[in-house]
Amino acid sequence: MAQAGGPRREPLRHSSALHTLQRDAHGVADRLPDLLVEAKRISSTVTHGIHGRRRAGPGETFWQFRQLQVNDSAQLIDWRRSASTDHLYVREREWEAAHTLWLWCNLSKSMDFRSHLTKVSKRDRAVVLMLASAELLVRSGERIGLLGVTVPTASRKAATKLAEAMASPQFHDLAEESQPPKARLNRFSSAVLFSDFLDPIETIRAHIEVLASSGVTGHLIQVLDPAEETLPYQGRTEFLSPDGTQRWLADRVETMRARYQDKLAAHRAEILELATRLGWTFMVHHTDRPASEPLLTLTMRLEGRDGGYRAVKTSTLGGGP
């Protein structure tokens, strides 16, 4: 009887899990319009000009006039501009070398977490950061794509297209994964990944190394709830796994705080070591801080103005590692 009963219960469990996933997917899709509006608002506050594209070089777009220099060819002289002054001027065109950047954010169950210390979940903040990054990048003439889902585009509506792609059934299947797809990217492209990066380091390393295997540059933005940084709880505390299937009860959780923070710091150090070895960058952002902070840092790094690959925390929490 036990053997006969087992097979009948399995489809029910599968159906329930499928219903939960569909409900969560619809919940994300329903919030996307508001998150897109928030992303565009934030991106408008961040100075763009990513990759230092605004410099002289081959291209069709006029950039500026400058005075003729000794090493310049006479063929470069703009005689119409020079005729109105006593100097000779050269017409410079803007250097156009659109870069392809692949964006991805973790939408797994782990990203649903939101403590009493913040008003936004990790998932919503990661989506806003990714869409705001897309908005900034296309304003600067770059091509962007949703890793594993869309083809690169430089359209001014790229952020909207990304949001639409995230609402598609194809993306819902990928949204269950806590790691980016193991895609082989073009050597002259970059990856920008938003996640809590709380999976075992072996799992993280396996996926990131595949993305970086062709010499791809990348940027890791760790999005954490402030409570995950400081473990601010006291007394008897119950912890639930992201999917709610496992429970663990701590009698005096404050006695664990130091060990917990040491373990988190060690895990973060391993991520930083991985990023540094691959020539990638790594930063930490907490959801109680403005979303514009990591975007400003990311912009500087994409422009090459941030000289190191150190871990940058975009919050000032006391007691954190």
C-alpha atoms as a PDB file:
ATOM      1  CA  MET A   1       0.000   0.000   0.000  1.00  0.00           C
ATOM      2  CA  ALA A   2       2.847   2.361   0.774  1.00  0.00           C
ATOM      3  CA  GLN A   3       4.313   1.807  -2.677  1.00  0.00           C
ATOM      4  CA  ALA A   4       0.960   2.379  -4.327  1.00  0.00           C
ATOM      5  CA  GLY A   5       0.313   5.560  -2.402  1.00  0.00           C
ATOM      6  CA  GLY A   6       3.664   7.195  -3.209  1.00  0.00           C
ATOM      7  CA  PRO A   7       3.204   7.694  -6.962  1.00  0.00           C
ATOM      8  CA  ARG A   8      -0.243   9.221  -6.455  1.00  0.00           C
ATOM      9  CA  ARG A   9       1.078  11.885  -4.080  1.00  0.00           C
ATOM     10  CA  GLU A  10       4.043  12.957  -6.234  1.00  0.00           C
ATOM     11  CA  PRO A  11       1.973  14.674  -8.993  1.00  0.00           C
ATOM     12  CA  LEU A  12       0.158  16.628  -6.292  1.00  0.00           C
ATOM     13  CA  ARG A  13       3.418  17.903  -4.859  1.00  0.00           C
ATOM     14  CA  HIS A  14       4.642  18.749  -8.350  1.00  0.00           C
ATOM     15  CA  SER A  15       1.402  20.569  -9.151  1.00  0.00           C
ATOM     16  CA  SER A  16       1.616  22.572  -5.936  1.00  0.00           C
ATOM     17  CA  ALA A  17       5.222  23.557  -6.632  1.00  0.00           C
ATOM     18  CA  LEU A  18       4.328  24.562 -10.190  1.00  0.00           C
ATOM     19  CA  HIS A  19       1.424  26.677  -8.941  1.00  0.00           C
ATOM     20  CA  THR A  20       3.751  28.429  -6.458  1.00  0.00           C
ATOM     21  CA  LEU A  21       6.292  29.192  -9.174  1.00  0.00           C
ATOM     22  CA  GLN A  22       3.609  30.566 -11.472  1.00  0.00           C
ATOM     23  CA  ARG A  23       2.229  32.738  -8.680  1.00  0.00           C
ATOM     24  CA  ASP A  24       5.694  34.109  -7.886  1.00  0.00           C
ATOM     25  CA  ALA A  25       6.394  34.739 -11.568  1.00  0.00           C
ATOM     26  CA  HIS A  26       3.162  36.681 -11.971  1.00  0.00           C
ATOM     27  CA  GLY A  27       3.999  38.660  -8.847  1.00  0.00           C
ATOM     28  CA  VAL A  28       7.310  39.763 -10.337  1.00  0.00           C
ATOM     29  CA  ALA A  29       5.670  40.587 -13.665  1.00  0.00           C
ATOM     30  CA  ASP A  30       2.992  42.674 -11.941  1.00  0.00           C
ATOM     31  CA  ARG A  31       5.636  44.781 -10.179  1.00  0.00           C
ATOM     32  CA  LEU A  32       7.823  45.307 -13.245  1.00  0.00           C
ATOM     33  CA  PRO A  33       6.109  48.519 -14.482  1.00  0.00           C
ATOM     34  CA  ASP A  34       6.629  50.214 -11.124  1.00  0.00           C
ATOM     35  CA  LEU A  35      10.195  48.919 -10.885  1.00  0.00           C
ATOM     36  CA  LEU A  36      10.917  50.189 -14.394  1.00  0.00           C
ATOM     37  CA  VAL A  37       9.657  53.672 -13.469  1.00  0.00           C
ATOM     38  CA  GLU A  38      11.832  53.618 -10.352  1.00  0.00           C
ATOM     39  CA  ALA A  39      14.841  52.478 -12.390  1.00  0.00           C
ATOM     40  CA  LYS A  40      14.423  55.323 -14.881  1.00  0.00           C
ATOM     41  CA  ARG A  41      14.075  57.838 -12.050  1.00  0.00           C
ATOM     42  CA  ILE A  42      17.274  56.610 -10.416  1.00  0.00           C
ATOM     43  CA  SER A  43      19.222  56.478 -13.676  1.00  0.00           C
ATOM     44  CA  SER A  44      18.330  60.115 -14.349  1.00  0.00           C
ATOM     45  CA  THR A  45      20.163  61.119 -11.160  1.00  0.00           C
ATOM     46  CA  VAL A  46      23.383  59.333 -12.105  1.00  0.00           C
ATOM     47  CA  THR A  47      25.936  60.990 -14.365  1.00  0.00           C
ATOM     48  CA  HIS A  48      26.416  58.932 -17.501  1.00  0.00           C
ATOM     49  CA  GLY A  49      29.117  58.809 -20.130  1.00  0.00           C
ATOM     50  CA  ILE A  50      30.147  55.241 -19.509  1.00  0.00           C
ATOM     51  CA  HIS A  51      33.373  53.785 -20.934  1.00  0.00           C
ATOM     52  CA  GLY A  52      34.778  57.244 -21.595  1.00  0.00           C
ATOM     53  CA  ARG A  53      33.272  57.109 -25.062  1.00  0.00           C
ATOM     54  CA  ARG A  54      33.310  60.872 -25.479  1.00  0.00           C
ATOM     55  CA  ARG A  55      36.781  61.220 -26.968  1.00  0.00           C
ATOM     56  CA  ALA A  56      38.186  61.776 -30.413  1.00  0.00           C
ATOM     57  CA  GLY A  57      38.321  58.829 -32.755  1.00  0.00           C
ATOM     58  CA  PRO A  58      36.730  57.116 -35.765  1.00  0.00           C
ATOM     59  CA  GLY A  59      33.021  57.760 -36.054  1.00  0.00           C
ATOM     60  CA  GLU A  60      30.292  59.787 -37.728  1.00  0.00           C
ATOM     61  CA  THR A  61      29.072  61.958 -34.838  1.00  0.00           C
ATOM     62  CA  PHE A  62      30.543  65.478 -34.469  1.00  0.00           C
ATOM     63  CA  TRP A  63      32.154  66.031 -31.084  1.00  0.00           C
ATOM     64  CA  GLN A  64      34.100  69.310 -31.018  1.00  0.00           C
ATOM     65  CA  PHE A  65      36.406  71.744 -32.793  1.00  0.00           C
ATOM     66  CA  ARG A  66      39.996  72.140 -31.599  1.00  0.00           C
ATOM     67  CA  GLN A  67      42.943  74.149 -32.819  1.00  0.00           C
ATOM     68  CA  LEU A  68      45.278  72.567 -35.356  1.00  0.00           C
ATOM     69  CA  GLN A  69      48.325  70.942 -33.792  1.00  0.00           C
ATOM     70  CA  VAL A  70      51.801  70.360 -35.256  1.00  0.00           C
ATOM     71  CA  ASN A  71      51.242  66.662 -35.897  1.00  0.00           C
ATOM     72  CA  ASP A  72      47.836  67.117 -37.559  1.00  0.00           C
ATOM     73  CA  SER A  73      47.423  66.638 -41.289  1.00  0.00           C
ATOM     74  CA  ALA A  74      46.255  69.647 -43.308  1.00  0.00           C
ATOM     75  CA  GLN A  75      43.431  67.450 -44.630  1.00  0.00           C
ATOM     76  CA  LEU A  76      41.834  67.580 -41.193  1.00  0.00           C
ATOM     77  CA  ILE A  77      41.369  71.360 -41.223  1.00  0.00           C
ATOM     78  CA  ASP A  78      37.775  72.584 -41.160  1.00  0.00           C
ATOM     79  CA  TRP A  79      38.096  75.646 -43.414  1.00  0.00           C
ATOM     80  CA  ARG A  80      34.588  76.978 -42.752  1.00  0.00           C
ATOM     81  CA  ARG A  81      35.192  77.117 -38.997  1.00  0.00           C
ATOM     82  CA  SER A  82      38.733  78.440 -39.443  1.00  0.00           C
ATOM     83  CA  ALA A  83      37.626  81.227 -41.792  1.00  0.00           C
ATOM     84  CA  SER A  84      35.881  83.117 -38.987  1.00  0.00           C
ATOM     85  CA  THR A  85      38.995  83.357 -36.772  1.00  0.00           C
ATOM     86  CA  ASP A  86      42.730  83.839 -36.929  1.00  0.00           C
ATOM     87  CA  HIS A  87      43.367  80.160 -36.079  1.00  0.00           C
ATOM     88  CA  LEU A  88      43.076  76.886 -37.921  1.00  0.00           C
ATOM     89  CA  TYR A  89      40.583  74.398 -36.485  1.00  0.00           C
ATOM     90  CA  VAL A  90      40.120  70.653 -36.792  1.00  0.00           C
ATOM     91  CA  ARG A  91      36.688  69.031 -36.638  1.00  0.00           C
ATOM     92  CA  GLU A  92      36.824  66.024 -34.298  1.00  0.00           C
ATOM     93  CA  ARG A  93      34.328  63.186 -34.393  1.00  0.00           C
ATOM     94  CA  GLU A  94      33.293  61.212 -31.350  1.00  0.00           C
ATOM     95  CA  TRP A  95      34.942  57.834 -30.921  1.00  0.00           C
ATOM     96  CA  GLU A  96      32.269  55.200 -31.520  1.00  0.00           C
ATOM     97  CA  ALA A  97      32.992  51.720 -30.299  1.00  0.00           C
ATOM     98  CA  ALA A  98      29.774  50.420 -28.811  1.00  0.00           C
ATOM     99  CA  HIS A  99      30.400  47.810 -26.151  1.00  0.00           C
ATOM    100  CA  THR A 100      28.132  44.844 -25.443  1.00  0.00           C
ATOM    101  CA  LEU A 101      27.189  44.385 -21.810  1.00  0.00           C
ATOM    102  CA  TRP A 102      25.206  41.391 -20.634  1.00  0.00           C
ATOM    103  CA  LEU A 103      23.007  42.032 -17.584  1.00  0.00           C
ATOM    104  CA  TRP A 104      21.599  39.466 -15.173  1.00  0.00           C
ATOM    105  CA  CYS A 105      19.951  39.558 -11.764  1.00  0.00           C
ATOM    106  CA  ASN A 106      19.180  36.761  -9.350  1.00  0.00           C
ATOM    107  CA  LEU A 107      15.419  36.326  -8.863  1.00  0.00           C
ATOM    108  CA  SER A 108      15.509  33.070  -6.911  1.00  0.00           C
ATOM    109  CA  LYS A 109      13.731  32.527  -3.595  1.00  0.00           C
ATOM    110  CA  SER A 110      16.749  33.769  -1.670  1.00  0.00           C
ATOM    111  CA  MET A 111      16.204  37.241  -3.107  1.00  0.00           C
ATOM    112  CA  ASP A 112      12.691  37.531  -1.650  1.00  0.00           C
ATOM    113  CA  PHE A 113      14.071  38.320   1.795  1.00  0.00           C
ATOM    114  CA  ARG A 114      13.258  41.669   3.400  1.00  0.00           C
ATOM    115  CA  SER A 115      13.867  42.412   7.084  1.00  0.00           C
ATOM    116  CA  HIS A 116      12.414  45.092   9.335  1.00  0.00           C
ATOM    117  CA  LEU A 117      15.500  47.249   8.649  1.00  0.00           C
ATOM    118  CA  THR A 118      14.571  48.122   5.069  1.00  0.00           C
ATOM    119  CA  LYS A 119      11.535  48.840   2.929  1.00  0.00           C
ATOM    120  CA  VAL A 120      12.608  46.929  -0.169  1.00  0.00           C
ATOM    121  CA  SER A 121      13.391  43.289  -0.867  1.00  0.00           C
ATOM    122  CA  LYS A 122      16.655  42.150  -2.395  1.00  0.00           C
ATOM    123  CA  ARG A 123      14.759  40.997  -5.464  1.00  0.00           C
ATOM    124  CA  ASP A 124      13.121  44.349  -6.176  1.00  0.00           C
ATOM    125  CA  ARG A 125      16.371  46.245  -5.595  1.00  0.00           C
ATOM    126  CA  ALA A 126      18.294  43.917  -7.929  1.00  0.00           C
ATOM    127  CA  VAL A 127      15.689  44.414 -10.667  1.00  0.00           C
ATOM    128  CA  VAL A 128      15.783  48.198 -10.244  1.00  0.00           C
ATOM    129  CA  LEU A 129      19.587  48.245 -10.365  1.00  0.00           C
ATOM    130  CA  MET A 130      19.670  46.110 -13.494  1.00  0.00           C
ATOM    131  CA  LEU A 131      17.053  48.166 -15.345  1.00  0.00           C
ATOM    132  CA  ALA A 132      18.660  51.449 -14.256  1.00  0.00           C
ATOM    133  CA  SER A 133      22.022  50.157 -15.486  1.00  0.00           C
ATOM    134  CA  ALA A 134      20.432  49.298 -18.816  1.00  0.00           C
ATOM    135  CA  GLU A 135      19.011  52.817 -19.050  1.00  0.00           C
ATOM    136  CA  LEU A 136      22.398  54.409 -18.347  1.00  0.00           C
ATOM    137  CA  LEU A 137      24.255  52.137 -20.742  1.00  0.00           C
ATOM    138  CA  VAL A 138      22.011  52.720 -23.749  1.00  0.00           C
ATOM    139  CA  ARG A 139      22.144  56.477 -23.147  1.00  0.00           C
ATOM    140  CA  SER A 140      25.897  56.140 -23.576  1.00  0.00           C
ATOM    141  CA  GLY A 141      25.511  54.264 -26.847  1.00  0.00           C
ATOM    142  CA  GLU A 142      26.299  50.789 -25.552  1.00  0.00           C
ATOM    143  CA  ARG A 143      24.546  47.564 -26.508  1.00  0.00           C
ATOM    144  CA  ILE A 144      22.916  45.631 -23.693  1.00  0.00           C
ATOM    145  CA  GLY A 145      21.246  42.258 -23.438  1.00  0.00           C
ATOM    146  CA  LEU A 146      19.581  40.114 -20.791  1.00  0.00           C
ATOM    147  CA  LEU A 147      21.964  37.206 -20.297  1.00  0.00           C
ATOM    148  CA  GLY A 148      20.532  34.006 -21.707  1.00  0.00           C
ATOM    149  CA  VAL A 149      17.292  35.651 -22.874  1.00  0.00           C
ATOM    150  CA  THR A 150      17.638  38.536 -25.351  1.00  0.00           C
ATOM    151  CA  VAL A 151      19.991  39.628 -28.113  1.00  0.00           C
ATOM    152  CA  PRO A 152      22.061  42.806 -27.575  1.00  0.00           C
ATOM    153  CA  THR A 153      20.419  46.093 -28.505  1.00  0.00           C
ATOM    154  CA  ALA A 154      21.294  49.787 -28.344  1.00  0.00           C
ATOM    155  CA  SER A 155      17.657  50.879 -28.562  1.00  0.00           C
ATOM    156  CA  ARG A 156      16.572  53.756 -26.335  1.00  0.00           C
ATOM    157  CA  LYS A 157      13.788  51.454 -25.180  1.00  0.00           C
ATOM    158  CA  ALA A 158      16.236  48.745 -24.132  1.00  0.00           C
ATOM    159  CA  ALA A 159      15.315  48.939 -20.439  1.00  0.00           C
ATOM    160  CA  THR A 160      11.631  48.537 -21.318  1.00  0.00           C
ATOM    161  CA  LYS A 161      12.476  45.593 -23.581  1.00  0.00           C
ATOM    162  CA  LEU A 162      14.398  43.977 -20.745  1.00  0.00           C
ATOM    163  CA  ALA A 163      11.408  44.380 -18.442  1.00  0.00           C
ATOM    164  CA  GLU A 164       9.152  42.831 -21.085  1.00  0.00           C
ATOM    165  CA  ALA A 165      11.583  39.928 -21.518  1.00  0.00           C
ATOM    166  CA  MET A 166      11.554  39.353 -17.757  1.00  0.00           C
ATOM    167  CA  ALA A 167       7.789  38.964 -17.910  1.00  0.00           C
ATOM    168  CA  SER A 168       8.068  36.275 -20.601  1.00  0.00           C
ATOM    169  CA  PRO A 169       7.640  32.516 -19.948  1.00  0.00           C
ATOM    170  CA  GLN A 170      11.212  31.948 -21.136  1.00  0.00           C
ATOM    171  CA  PHE A 171      12.569  34.099 -18.333  1.00  0.00           C
ATOM    172  CA  HIS A 172      10.320  32.496 -15.711  1.00  0.00           C
ATOM    173  CA  ASP A 173      12.151  29.211 -16.249  1.00  0.00           C
ATOM    174  CA  LEU A 174      15.529  30.917 -15.744  1.00  0.00           C
ATOM    175  CA  ALA A 175      14.297  32.922 -12.743  1.00  0.00           C
ATOM    176  CA  GLU A 176      14.329  29.804 -10.567  1.00  0.00           C
ATOM    177  CA  GLU A 177      18.111  29.651 -10.850  1.00  0.00           C
ATOM    178  CA  SER A 178      20.297  31.491  -8.354  1.00  0.00           C
ATOM    179  CA  GLN A 179      23.261  31.553 -10.763  1.00  0.00           C
ATOM    180  CA  PRO A 180      23.671  33.143 -14.208  1.00  0.00           C
ATOM    181  CA  PRO A 181      23.503  30.899 -17.299  1.00  0.00           C
ATOM    182  CA  LYS A 182      26.826  29.311 -18.266  1.00  0.00           C
ATOM    183  CA  ALA A 183      26.985  31.219 -21.531  1.00  0.00           C
ATOM    184  CA  ARG A 184      30.069  31.615 -23.718  1.00  0.00           C
ATOM    185  CA  LEU A 185      30.284  35.342 -24.347  1.00  0.00           C
ATOM    186  CA  ASN A 186      32.176  37.308 -26.960  1.00  0.00           C
ATOM    187  CA  ARG A 187      35.666  38.267 -25.855  1.00  0.00           C
ATOM    188  CA  PHE A 188      35.020  41.986 -26.197  1.00  0.00           C
ATOM    189  CA  SER A 189      31.874  42.058 -24.073  1.00  0.00           C
ATOM    190  CA  SER A 190      31.212  42.459 -20.343  1.00  0.00           C
ATOM    191  CA  ALA A 191      28.856  40.956 -17.784  1.00  0.00           C
ATOM    192  CA  VAL A 192      27.142  42.860 -14.966  1.00  0.00           C
ATOM    193  CA  LEU A 193      25.604  40.530 -12.363  1.00  0.00           C
ATOM    194  CA  PHE A 194      23.317  41.482  -9.468  1.00  0.00           C
ATOM    195  CA  SER A 195      22.815  38.837  -6.780  1.00  0.00           C
ATOM    196  CA  ASP A 196      23.223  38.102  -3.087  1.00  0.00           C
ATOM    197  CA  PHE A 197      25.943  35.581  -4.039  1.00  0.00           C
ATOM    198  CA  LEU A 198      25.159  33.451  -0.986  1.00  0.00           C
ATOM    199  CA  ASP A 199      25.459  30.093  -2.749  1.00  0.00           C
ATOM    200  CA  PRO A 200      28.505  27.947  -1.934  1.00  0.00           C
ATOM    201  CA  ILE A 201      31.650  29.465  -3.419  1.00  0.00           C
ATOM    202  CA  GLU A 202      32.205  26.338  -5.549  1.00  0.00           C
ATOM    203  CA  THR A 203      28.862  26.930  -7.283  1.00  0.00           C
ATOM    204  CA  ILE A 204      29.552  30.630  -7.812  1.00  0.00           C
ATOM    205  CA  ARG A 205      33.048  29.935  -9.126  1.00  0.00           C
ATOM    206  CA  ALA A 206      31.827  27.344 -11.629  1.00  0.00           C
ATOM    207  CA  HIS A 207      29.408  29.785 -13.271  1.00  0.00           C
ATOM    208  CA  ILE A 208      31.568  32.912 -13.187  1.00  0.00           C
ATOM    209  CA  GLU A 209      34.616  31.139 -14.605  1.00  0.00           C
ATOM    210  CA  VAL A 210      32.597  29.986 -17.626  1.00  0.00           C
ATOM    211  CA  LEU A 211      31.476  33.562 -18.318  1.00  0.00           C
ATOM    212  CA  ALA A 212      35.048  34.816 -17.976  1.00  0.00           C
ATOM    213  CA  SER A 213      36.627  31.988 -19.999  1.00  0.00           C
ATOM    214  CA  SER A 214      36.861  34.043 -23.220  1.00  0.00           C
ATOM    215  CA  GLY A 215      38.497  37.011 -21.538  1.00  0.00           C
ATOM    216  CA  VAL A 216      35.153  38.675 -20.765  1.00  0.00           C
ATOM    217  CA  THR A 217      35.330  41.434 -18.165  1.00  0.00           C
ATOM    218  CA  GLY A 218      32.693  41.579 -15.479  1.00  0.00           C
ATOM    219  CA  HIS A 219      31.255  43.304 -12.444  1.00  0.00           C
ATOM    220  CA  LEU A 220      29.662  41.563  -9.448  1.00  0.00           C
ATOM    221  CA  ILE A 221      27.220  43.557  -7.319  1.00  0.00           C
ATOM    222  CA  GLN A 222      26.277  41.751  -4.118  1.00  0.00           C
ATOM    223  CA  VAL A 223      22.837  42.887  -2.932  1.00  0.00           C
ATOM    224  CA  LEU A 224      22.191  42.136   0.739  1.00  0.00           C
ATOM    225  CA  ASP A 225      19.582  43.024   3.318  1.00  0.00           C
ATOM    226  CA  PRO A 226      21.191  44.906   6.238  1.00  0.00           C
ATOM    227  CA  ALA A 227      20.001  42.161   8.601  1.00  0.00           C
ATOM    228  CA  GLU A 228      22.040  39.636   6.626  1.00  0.00           C
ATOM    229  CA  GLU A 229      25.099  41.728   7.369  1.00  0.00           C
ATOM    230  CA  THR A 230      24.648  42.283  11.102  1.00  0.00           C
ATOM    231  CA  LEU A 231      22.282  39.510  12.333  1.00  0.00           C
ATOM    232  CA  PRO A 232      20.502  42.043  14.604  1.00  0.00           C
ATOM    233  CA  TYR A 233      18.166  39.560  16.319  1.00  0.00           C
ATOM    234  CA  GLN A 234      17.973  38.709  20.006  1.00  0.00           C
ATOM    235  CA  GLY A 235      16.828  35.698  22.001  1.00  0.00           C
ATOM    236  CA  ARG A 236      14.862  32.766  20.606  1.00  0.00           C
ATOM    237  CA  THR A 237      14.721  33.112  16.815  1.00  0.00           C
ATOM    238  CA  GLU A 238      13.387  30.833  14.104  1.00  0.00           C
ATOM    239  CA  PHE A 239      15.082  30.748  10.703  1.00  0.00           C
ATOM    240  CA  LEU A 240      13.398  29.515   7.524  1.00  0.00           C
ATOM    241  CA  SER A 241      15.031  28.305   4.329  1.00  0.00           C
ATOM    242  CA  PRO A 242      14.253  30.433   1.229  1.00  0.00           C
ATOM    243  CA  ASP A 243      11.589  27.969   0.036  1.00  0.00           C
ATOM    244  CA  GLY A 244      10.106  27.592   3.529  1.00  0.00           C
ATOM    245  CA  THR A 245      10.607  23.830   3.674  1.00  0.00           C
ATOM    246  CA  GLN A 246      13.301  23.849   6.377  1.00  0.00           C
ATOM    247  CA  ARG A 247      13.239  25.463   9.819  1.00  0.00           C
ATOM    248  CA  TRP A 248      15.945  25.984  12.408  1.00  0.00           C
ATOM    249  CA  LEU A 249      15.463  27.365  15.918  1.00  0.00           C
ATOM    250  CA  ALA A 250      18.197  29.262  17.791  1.00  0.00           C
ATOM    251  CA  ASP A 251      17.694  29.763  21.539  1.00  0.00           C
ATOM    252  CA  ARG A 252      20.072  32.746  21.903  1.00  0.00           C
ATOM    253  CA  VAL A 253      20.840  33.997  18.429  1.00  0.00           C
ATOM    254  CA  GLU A 254      22.999  36.873  19.695  1.00  0.00           C
ATOM    255  CA  THR A 255      25.653  34.355  20.806  1.00  0.00           C
ATOM    256  CA  MET A 256      26.077  33.354  17.150  1.00  0.00           C
ATOM    257  CA  ARG A 257      26.577  36.879  15.781  1.00  0.00           C
ATOM    258  CA  ALA A 258      30.382  36.992  15.806  1.00  0.00           C
ATOM    259  CA  ARG A 259      30.737  33.548  14.214  1.00  0.00           C
ATOM    260  CA  TYR A 260      28.094  34.398  11.624  1.00  0.00           C
ATOM    261  CA  GLN A 261      29.820  37.647  10.635  1.00  0.00           C
ATOM    262  CA  ASP A 262      33.187  35.877  10.430  1.00  0.00           C
ATOM    263  CA  LYS A 263      31.709  33.273   8.107  1.00  0.00           C
ATOM    264  CA  LEU A 264      30.068  35.938   5.937  1.00  0.00           C
ATOM    265  CA  ALA A 265      33.353  37.862   5.754  1.00  0.00           C
ATOM    266  CA  ALA A 266      35.228  34.704   4.760  1.00  0.00           C
ATOM    267  CA  HIS A 267      32.670  33.946   2.044  1.00  0.00           C
ATOM    268  CA  ARG A 268      32.910  37.500   0.728  1.00  0.00           C
ATOM    269  CA  ALA A 269      36.695  37.311   0.710  1.00  0.00           C
ATOM    270  CA  GLU A 270      36.482  34.229  -1.526  1.00  0.00           C
ATOM    271  CA  ILE A 271      34.203  36.069  -3.959  1.00  0.00           C
ATOM    272  CA  LEU A 272      36.602  39.007  -4.009  1.00  0.00           C
ATOM    273  CA  GLU A 273      39.542  36.659  -4.638  1.00  0.00           C
ATOM    274  CA  LEU A 274      37.649  35.104  -7.558  1.00  0.00           C
ATOM    275  CA  ALA A 275      36.814  38.515  -9.028  1.00  0.00           C
ATOM    276  CA  THR A 276      40.372  39.794  -8.611  1.00  0.00           C
ATOM    277  CA  ARG A 277      41.889  36.699 -10.218  1.00  0.00           C
ATOM    278  CA  LEU A 278      39.615  37.062 -13.253  1.00  0.00           C
ATOM    279  CA  GLY A 279      40.145  40.828 -13.511  1.00  0.00           C
ATOM    280  CA  TRP A 280      36.527  41.503 -12.517  1.00  0.00           C
ATOM    281  CA  THR A 281      35.247  44.001  -9.955  1.00  0.00           C
ATOM    282  CA  PHE A 282      33.154  43.369  -6.859  1.00  0.00           C
ATOM    283  CA  MET A 283      31.062  45.624  -4.646  1.00  0.00           C
ATOM    284  CA  VAL A 284      28.517  45.225  -1.868  1.00  0.00           C
ATOM    285  CA  HIS A 285      25.209  47.091  -1.704  1.00  0.00           C
ATOM    286  CA  HIS A 286      22.676  47.018   1.135  1.00  0.00           C
ATOM    287  CA  THR A 287      19.007  47.546   0.446  1.00  0.00           C
ATOM    288  CA  ASP A 288      18.607  50.244   3.111  1.00  0.00           C
ATOM    289  CA  ARG A 289      20.901  52.497   1.077  1.00  0.00           C
ATOM    290  CA  PRO A 290      19.964  54.541  -2.031  1.00  0.00           C
ATOM    291  CA  ALA A 291      20.069  52.588  -5.277  1.00  0.00           C
ATOM    292  CA  SER A 292      22.027  55.426  -6.879  1.00  0.00           C
ATOM    293  CA  GLU A 293      25.135  54.599  -4.812  1.00  0.00           C
ATOM    294  CA  PRO A 294      26.130  51.323  -6.516  1.00  0.00           C
ATOM    295  CA  LEU A 295      25.198  52.800  -9.899  1.00  0.00           C
ATOM    296  CA  LEU A 296      27.649  55.655  -9.397  1.00  0.00           C
ATOM    297  CA  THR A 297      30.402  53.216  -8.442  1.00  0.00           C
ATOM    298  CA  LEU A 298      29.549  50.944 -11.366  1.00  0.00           C
ATOM    299  CA  THR A 299      29.644  53.911 -13.754  1.00  0.00           C
ATOM    300  CA  MET A 300      33.128  54.855 -12.550  1.00  0.00           C
ATOM    301  CA  ARG A 301      34.350  51.313 -13.020  1.00  0.00           C
ATOM    302  CA  LEU A 302      32.935  51.029 -16.506  1.00  0.00           C
ATOM    303  CA  GLU A 303      34.680  54.298 -17.337  1.00  0.00           C
ATOM    304  CA  GLY A 304      37.910  52.895 -15.928  1.00  0.00           C
ATOM    305  CA  ARG A 305      38.212  55.607 -13.275  1.00  0.00           C
ATOM    306  CA  ASP A 306      38.150  53.182 -10.339  1.00  0.00           C
ATOM    307  CA  GLY A 307      41.686  51.911 -10.161  1.00  0.00           C
ATOM    308  CA  GLY A 308      41.250  48.784  -8.025  1.00  0.00           C
ATOM    309  CA  TYR A 309      39.295  45.584  -7.778  1.00  0.00           C
ATOM    310  CA  ARG A 310      38.690  45.884  -4.073  1.00  0.00           C
ATOM    311  CA  ALA A 311      35.371  45.177  -2.375  1.00  0.00           C
ATOM    312  CA  VAL A 312      33.439  48.434  -2.055  1.00  0.00           C
ATOM    313  CA  LYS A 313      30.573  48.530   0.416  1.00  0.00           C
ATOM    314  CA  THR A 314      27.915  51.083  -0.418  1.00  0.00           C
ATOM    315  CA  SER A 315      26.610  51.325   3.129  1.00  0.00           C
ATOM    316  CA  THR A 316      28.038  52.191   6.510  1.00  0.00           C
ATOM    317  CA  LEU A 317      26.674  49.560   8.860  1.00  0.00           C
ATOM    318  CA  GLY A 318      28.294  49.256  12.218  1.00  0.00           C
ATOM    319  CA  GLY A 319      29.540  45.847  13.253  1.00  0.00           C
ATOM    320  CA  GLY A 320      29.629  44.391   9.748  1.00  0.00           C
ATOM    321  CA  PRO A 321      32.625  42.522   8.401  1.00  0.00           C
END
